[in-house]
Amino acid sequence: MADLPTAPDGPVSAPASSAAERALVARLLAGDEAAFVELVGRHHAPLRRLARVFVSSDASAEELVQETWVAVLDGLRGFEARASLKTWIFRILVNRAKTRREREARTTPLSALAPDAGAGDDDSGPAVDPARFDERGRWTAPPQHGSPEQALLDGETRARLAEAVAALPERQRALVVLRDIDGLTAEEACNVLGLSESNQRVLLHRARSRLRAELEQWMKR
């Protein structure tokens, strides 16, 4: 499994926390239980999706998210609102995942750390002609399988897409989860994962290229 991403070109400046988020933090610091329920309801499912990128089971992902919520409560007084609250929380999860990995590596035999062979461990690409994407990184035309609407609604196609996402290298998979599933901006994703803007753009394009290639092959069958 690949290492958690770093930012060789330095961090991207994060959008500041909004007034609404600062008010929510104030309620949390005042012990408002409803505020915490609201926060968990808003971010628990996306956090669980991101956690699943870094661990091998749903149970481990849930455990990692629970650890993250504890760390959020413990560190809330140190939240300086220089980034959005969401970005800060997601970044805590990534750091917790890194800590967990380092801890587990100390107790894992060296023979178990050898990476598996195969495309899933290769962070290079792309697998599809870049000209088939627009300036925002979106497909200029969807893979053809009847109508695009039929393809998107097809359960088997969606299941195959989920498998293809799961097979992506870790950094690419994390970006697809954050950008294409949970709707974070490029700036937010860079700050969550500690990536430079240029690195984020390249990795996301490679991920989308691989997914496009997988879908086209699936639809041809």
Protein backbone atom coordinates (compact mmCIF):
# COMPACT_ATOMS: atom_id res chain seq x y z
CA MET A 1 0.00 0.00 0.00
CA ALA A 2 1.35 3.41 -0.91
CA ASP A 3 2.45 5.94 1.66
CA LEU A 4 0.07 8.68 2.63
CA PRO A 5 0.58 11.71 0.36
CA THR A 6 2.92 14.55 1.10
CA ALA A 7 3.23 18.01 -0.42
CA PRO A 8 6.70 18.44 -1.95
CA ASP A 9 5.76 21.85 -3.35
CA GLY A 10 4.37 23.12 -0.05
CA PRO A 11 0.79 23.33 1.23
CA VAL A 12 -2.00 25.03 -0.63
CA SER A 13 -3.48 27.99 1.24
CA ALA A 14 -6.75 26.84 2.78
CA PRO A 15 -10.05 28.74 2.65
CA ALA A 16 -10.82 30.27 6.03
CA SER A 17 -13.59 28.92 8.18
CA SER A 18 -16.95 30.58 7.56
CA ALA A 19 -18.85 32.61 10.14
CA ALA A 20 -21.38 29.77 10.39
CA GLU A 21 -18.63 27.28 11.15
CA ARG A 22 -17.11 29.56 13.77
CA ALA A 23 -20.52 29.83 15.40
CA LEU A 24 -20.80 26.03 15.36
CA VAL A 25 -17.39 25.74 17.00
CA ALA A 26 -18.50 28.18 19.69
CA ARG A 27 -21.54 26.02 20.39
CA LEU A 28 -19.36 22.91 20.56
CA LEU A 29 -16.96 24.57 22.99
CA ALA A 30 -19.95 25.56 25.12
CA GLY A 31 -20.93 21.90 25.41
CA ASP A 32 -23.94 22.07 23.07
CA GLU A 33 -24.73 18.40 22.41
CA ALA A 34 -27.03 19.26 19.49
CA ALA A 35 -24.12 21.00 17.78
CA PHE A 36 -22.03 17.83 17.97
CA VAL A 37 -24.92 15.73 16.64
CA GLU A 38 -25.22 18.19 13.75
CA LEU A 39 -21.48 17.98 13.04
CA VAL A 40 -21.44 14.18 13.09
CA GLY A 41 -24.52 13.99 10.90
CA ARG A 42 -22.88 16.25 8.36
CA HIS A 43 -19.47 14.61 8.13
CA HIS A 44 -19.57 11.03 9.47
CA ALA A 45 -20.44 9.29 6.19
CA PRO A 46 -17.84 11.20 4.11
CA LEU A 47 -15.23 10.54 6.78
CA ARG A 48 -16.05 6.85 6.68
CA ARG A 49 -15.63 6.78 2.89
CA LEU A 50 -12.25 8.46 3.20
CA ALA A 51 -11.19 6.17 6.05
CA ARG A 52 -11.98 3.13 3.91
CA VAL A 53 -9.27 4.26 1.49
CA PHE A 54 -6.60 3.76 4.13
CA VAL A 55 -7.78 0.62 5.97
CA SER A 56 -8.71 -2.87 4.88
CA SER A 57 -12.19 -3.31 6.37
CA ASP A 58 -15.40 -1.45 7.15
CA ALA A 59 -14.90 -2.18 10.84
CA SER A 60 -11.44 -0.61 10.80
CA ALA A 61 -12.82 2.39 8.92
CA GLU A 62 -15.50 2.93 11.56
CA GLU A 63 -12.90 2.62 14.30
CA LEU A 64 -10.69 5.20 12.56
CA VAL A 65 -13.62 7.62 12.26
CA GLN A 66 -14.44 7.19 15.95
CA GLU A 67 -10.82 7.96 16.79
CA THR A 68 -11.09 11.04 14.60
CA TRP A 69 -14.16 12.34 16.43
CA VAL A 70 -12.39 11.91 19.76
CA ALA A 71 -9.39 13.83 18.39
CA VAL A 72 -11.73 16.56 17.08
CA LEU A 73 -13.26 17.05 20.52
CA ASP A 74 -9.86 16.99 22.21
CA GLY A 75 -8.36 19.49 19.76
CA LEU A 76 -11.29 21.81 19.20
CA ARG A 77 -9.90 24.58 21.39
CA GLY A 78 -6.86 24.65 19.14
CA PHE A 79 -8.91 25.15 15.97
CA GLU A 80 -7.77 28.52 14.63
CA ALA A 81 -10.28 28.85 11.76
CA ARG A 82 -7.51 29.40 9.22
CA ALA A 83 -9.01 26.50 7.25
CA SER A 84 -12.58 25.32 7.00
CA LEU A 85 -13.80 23.12 9.83
CA LYS A 86 -14.50 20.32 7.35
CA THR A 87 -10.96 20.43 5.96
CA TRP A 88 -9.54 20.44 9.50
CA ILE A 89 -11.59 17.38 10.50
CA PHE A 90 -10.73 15.44 7.35
CA ARG A 91 -7.06 16.25 7.83
CA ILE A 92 -7.23 14.85 11.36
CA LEU A 93 -8.53 11.56 9.93
CA VAL A 94 -5.65 11.39 7.43
CA ASN A 95 -3.14 12.04 10.21
CA ARG A 96 -4.77 9.38 12.40
CA ALA A 97 -4.55 6.93 9.50
CA LYS A 98 -0.84 7.72 9.11
CA THR A 99 -0.24 7.21 12.83
CA ARG A 100 -2.11 3.91 12.76
CA ARG A 101 -0.08 2.73 9.76
CA GLU A 102 3.22 3.60 11.42
CA ARG A 103 2.15 1.80 14.59
CA GLU A 104 1.07 -1.31 12.71
CA ALA A 105 4.25 -1.32 10.59
CA ARG A 106 6.34 -1.67 13.75
CA THR A 107 4.58 -4.94 14.56
CA THR A 108 4.33 -6.35 11.02
CA PRO A 109 6.90 -8.85 9.66
CA LEU A 110 8.95 -7.45 6.79
CA SER A 111 7.69 -10.24 4.53
CA ALA A 112 4.16 -8.88 4.88
CA LEU A 113 5.15 -5.37 3.78
CA ALA A 114 6.15 -6.24 0.23
CA PRO A 115 3.77 -4.53 -2.21
CA ASP A 116 1.61 -6.69 -4.42
CA ALA A 117 2.41 -6.63 -8.09
CA GLY A 118 -0.08 -5.18 -10.52
CA ALA A 119 -1.52 -1.98 -11.90
CA GLY A 120 -3.27 -1.14 -8.68
CA ASP A 121 0.06 -0.17 -7.10
CA ASP A 122 1.21 1.96 -10.04
CA ASP A 123 0.58 5.70 -9.56
CA SER A 124 1.49 6.46 -13.17
CA GLY A 125 -0.74 6.88 -16.20
CA PRO A 126 -2.93 8.11 -17.73
CA ALA A 127 -4.79 5.14 -19.25
CA VAL A 128 -6.98 7.27 -21.56
CA ASP A 129 -6.11 10.00 -24.08
CA PRO A 130 -6.12 13.35 -22.17
CA ALA A 131 -7.97 14.96 -25.09
CA ARG A 132 -11.08 13.05 -24.02
CA PHE A 133 -11.38 15.27 -20.93
CA ASP A 134 -12.39 18.93 -20.78
CA GLU A 135 -10.49 21.70 -19.00
CA ARG A 136 -12.17 20.78 -15.69
CA GLY A 137 -11.05 17.16 -15.94
CA ARG A 138 -14.53 15.86 -16.81
CA TRP A 139 -15.27 13.47 -19.67
CA THR A 140 -16.20 15.27 -22.87
CA ALA A 141 -18.59 12.39 -23.63
CA PRO A 142 -19.67 9.46 -21.45
CA PRO A 143 -18.76 5.86 -22.34
CA GLN A 144 -21.40 4.50 -24.70
CA HIS A 145 -23.66 1.72 -23.44
CA GLY A 146 -27.15 2.38 -24.71
CA SER A 147 -27.98 5.80 -23.34
CA PRO A 148 -25.70 7.45 -20.72
CA GLU A 149 -28.66 7.55 -18.33
CA GLN A 150 -29.23 3.83 -18.71
CA ALA A 151 -25.56 3.12 -18.05
CA LEU A 152 -25.46 5.22 -14.89
CA LEU A 153 -28.60 3.57 -13.53
CA ASP A 154 -27.45 0.07 -14.33
CA GLY A 155 -26.64 -1.69 -11.05
CA GLU A 156 -23.93 -3.89 -12.53
CA THR A 157 -22.22 -0.88 -14.09
CA ARG A 158 -22.25 1.02 -10.81
CA ALA A 159 -20.90 -2.04 -9.01
CA ARG A 160 -18.11 -2.35 -11.57
CA LEU A 161 -17.27 1.32 -11.14
CA ALA A 162 -17.08 0.86 -7.35
CA GLU A 163 -14.67 -2.05 -7.90
CA ALA A 164 -12.56 0.08 -10.23
CA VAL A 165 -12.39 2.88 -7.66
CA ALA A 166 -11.34 0.38 -4.98
CA ALA A 167 -8.52 -0.86 -7.24
CA LEU A 168 -6.99 2.59 -7.73
CA PRO A 169 -3.69 3.46 -6.05
CA GLU A 170 -4.29 5.00 -2.64
CA ARG A 171 -3.70 8.65 -3.47
CA GLN A 172 -5.82 8.47 -6.60
CA ARG A 173 -8.59 6.68 -4.74
CA ALA A 174 -8.58 9.27 -1.97
CA LEU A 175 -8.91 12.07 -4.51
CA VAL A 176 -11.81 10.39 -6.30
CA VAL A 177 -13.60 9.95 -2.97
CA LEU A 178 -13.02 13.56 -1.95
CA ARG A 179 -13.53 15.31 -5.28
CA ASP A 180 -16.01 13.17 -7.24
CA ILE A 181 -18.02 11.49 -4.48
CA ASP A 182 -18.03 14.01 -1.64
CA GLY A 183 -17.69 17.15 -3.74
CA LEU A 184 -14.70 18.83 -2.10
CA THR A 185 -12.97 21.53 -4.09
CA ALA A 186 -9.44 21.04 -5.43
CA GLU A 187 -8.19 23.43 -2.76
CA GLU A 188 -9.91 21.51 0.03
CA ALA A 189 -8.65 18.14 -1.24
CA CYS A 190 -5.09 19.47 -1.44
CA ASN A 191 -5.22 20.55 2.18
CA VAL A 192 -6.83 17.34 3.41
CA LEU A 193 -4.25 15.13 1.70
CA GLY A 194 -1.24 17.45 1.89
CA LEU A 195 -0.84 17.67 -1.88
CA SER A 196 0.37 20.49 -4.07
CA GLU A 197 -2.20 21.77 -6.56
CA SER A 198 -0.23 20.45 -9.53
CA ASN A 199 0.18 17.00 -7.98
CA GLN A 200 -3.53 16.85 -7.15
CA ARG A 201 -4.45 17.72 -10.72
CA VAL A 202 -2.18 15.06 -12.22
CA LEU A 203 -3.28 12.31 -9.82
CA LEU A 204 -6.96 13.05 -10.29
CA HIS A 205 -6.61 12.98 -14.06
CA ARG A 206 -4.86 9.61 -13.86
CA ALA A 207 -7.61 8.26 -11.62
CA ARG A 208 -10.40 9.45 -13.90
CA SER A 209 -8.54 8.05 -16.90
CA ARG A 210 -8.29 4.61 -15.33
CA LEU A 211 -11.96 4.65 -14.39
CA ARG A 212 -12.95 5.68 -17.90
CA ALA A 213 -10.90 2.85 -19.39
CA GLU A 214 -12.42 0.31 -17.01
CA LEU A 215 -15.96 1.46 -17.77
CA GLU A 216 -15.41 1.38 -21.52
CA GLN A 217 -14.04 -2.15 -21.38
CA TRP A 218 -16.95 -3.25 -19.17
CA MET A 219 -19.53 -1.73 -21.51
CA LYS A 220 -17.98 -3.36 -24.55
CA ARG A 221 -18.61 -6.75 -22.91
